[in-house]
Amino acid sequence: MNKRILSTVEVAKILGISRQAVLKKIQTGDIKAEKQGRNFVINSGHVSEILGKVLTSKRKKEIERAVDKTIREYGQTLKLLGQE
């Protein structure tokens, strides 16, 4: 993605969904977009976040919580496995 902004059609192709699905995601706030004239444009950086190429702080916190929960619940088992 060398372009800074993308059209809804381009984003739909990248995500493998329809243009209408992209518009619905824009309406629900799942995809951040700006209106230019009659069309929406999407920052390519936001598409990278959607695709998971960029680790956002929100996603990082989710991962940290999952790791903490795993250690709390399975810590002793993990220690025993590490000794083998």
Protein backbone atom coordinates (compact mmCIF):
# COMPACT_ATOMS: atom_id res chain seq x y z
CA MET A 1 0.00 0.00 0.00
CA ASN A 2 2.03 2.88 -1.27
CA LYS A 3 -0.89 5.32 -1.46
CA ARG A 4 -1.72 7.40 1.58
CA ILE A 5 -5.50 7.26 1.04
CA LEU A 6 -7.66 4.57 -0.49
CA SER A 7 -11.16 4.48 -1.92
CA THR A 8 -13.88 2.22 -0.58
CA VAL A 9 -13.52 0.02 -3.66
CA GLU A 10 -9.78 -0.41 -3.05
CA VAL A 11 -10.35 -1.21 0.64
CA ALA A 12 -13.03 -3.74 -0.30
CA LYS A 13 -10.58 -5.52 -2.61
CA ILE A 14 -7.85 -5.54 0.04
CA LEU A 15 -10.17 -6.90 2.74
CA GLY A 16 -11.93 -9.32 0.41
CA ILE A 17 -15.38 -7.92 1.13
CA SER A 18 -17.95 -5.95 -0.84
CA ARG A 19 -17.99 -2.18 -1.14
CA GLN A 20 -21.31 -2.17 0.72
CA ALA A 21 -19.69 -4.08 3.59
CA VAL A 22 -16.97 -1.43 3.73
CA LEU A 23 -19.62 1.31 3.87
CA LYS A 24 -21.40 -0.51 6.71
CA LYS A 25 -18.11 -0.80 8.61
CA ILE A 26 -17.59 2.93 8.11
CA GLN A 27 -21.07 3.63 9.49
CA THR A 28 -20.48 1.44 12.56
CA GLY A 29 -17.06 2.97 13.15
CA ASP A 30 -15.09 -0.22 12.50
CA ILE A 31 -13.31 1.56 9.65
CA LYS A 32 -12.28 5.19 10.07
CA ALA A 33 -12.97 7.23 6.94
CA GLU A 34 -13.31 10.81 5.79
CA LYS A 35 -15.89 12.09 3.39
CA GLN A 36 -14.50 13.79 0.28
CA GLY A 37 -17.34 15.05 -1.84
CA ARG A 38 -19.78 12.17 -2.27
CA ASN A 39 -17.20 9.48 -1.50
CA PHE A 40 -15.34 8.18 1.50
CA VAL A 41 -11.55 7.82 1.64
CA ILE A 42 -9.68 5.64 4.09
CA ASN A 43 -6.16 6.19 5.40
CA SER A 44 -3.97 3.26 4.31
CA GLY A 45 -2.52 3.07 7.81
CA HIS A 46 -5.94 2.24 9.21
CA VAL A 47 -6.31 -0.59 6.69
CA SER A 48 -3.00 -1.99 7.91
CA GLU A 49 -4.38 -1.99 11.45
CA ILE A 50 -7.49 -3.81 10.29
CA LEU A 51 -5.36 -6.43 8.58
CA GLY A 52 -3.32 -6.86 11.75
CA LYS A 53 -0.05 -5.66 10.26
CA VAL A 54 0.25 -2.99 12.92
CA LEU A 55 0.00 -3.84 16.60
CA THR A 56 -2.17 -1.13 18.11
CA SER A 57 -1.99 -0.27 21.79
CA LYS A 58 -5.53 -1.64 22.22
CA ARG A 59 -4.55 -4.97 20.66
CA LYS A 60 -1.34 -5.06 22.72
CA LYS A 61 -3.37 -4.67 25.94
CA GLU A 62 -5.70 -7.49 24.85
CA ILE A 63 -2.71 -9.76 24.30
CA GLU A 64 -1.19 -8.82 27.67
CA ARG A 65 -4.48 -9.61 29.44
CA ALA A 66 -4.66 -12.99 27.70
CA VAL A 67 -1.09 -13.82 28.70
CA ASP A 68 -1.72 -12.76 32.31
CA LYS A 69 -4.85 -14.91 32.46
CA THR A 70 -2.99 -17.91 31.02
CA ILE A 71 -0.19 -17.54 33.55
CA ARG A 72 -2.68 -17.19 36.42
CA GLU A 73 -4.65 -20.26 35.38
CA TYR A 74 -1.86 -22.50 34.08
CA GLY A 75 1.28 -21.10 35.70
CA GLN A 76 2.11 -24.19 37.73
CA THR A 77 1.54 -26.48 34.74
CA LEU A 78 3.75 -24.31 32.57
CA LYS A 79 6.52 -24.46 35.18
CA LEU A 80 6.31 -28.24 35.30
CA LEU A 81 6.40 -28.47 31.53
CA GLY A 82 9.45 -26.21 31.49
CA GLN A 83 11.32 -28.56 33.79
CA GLU A 84 10.93 -31.54 31.44
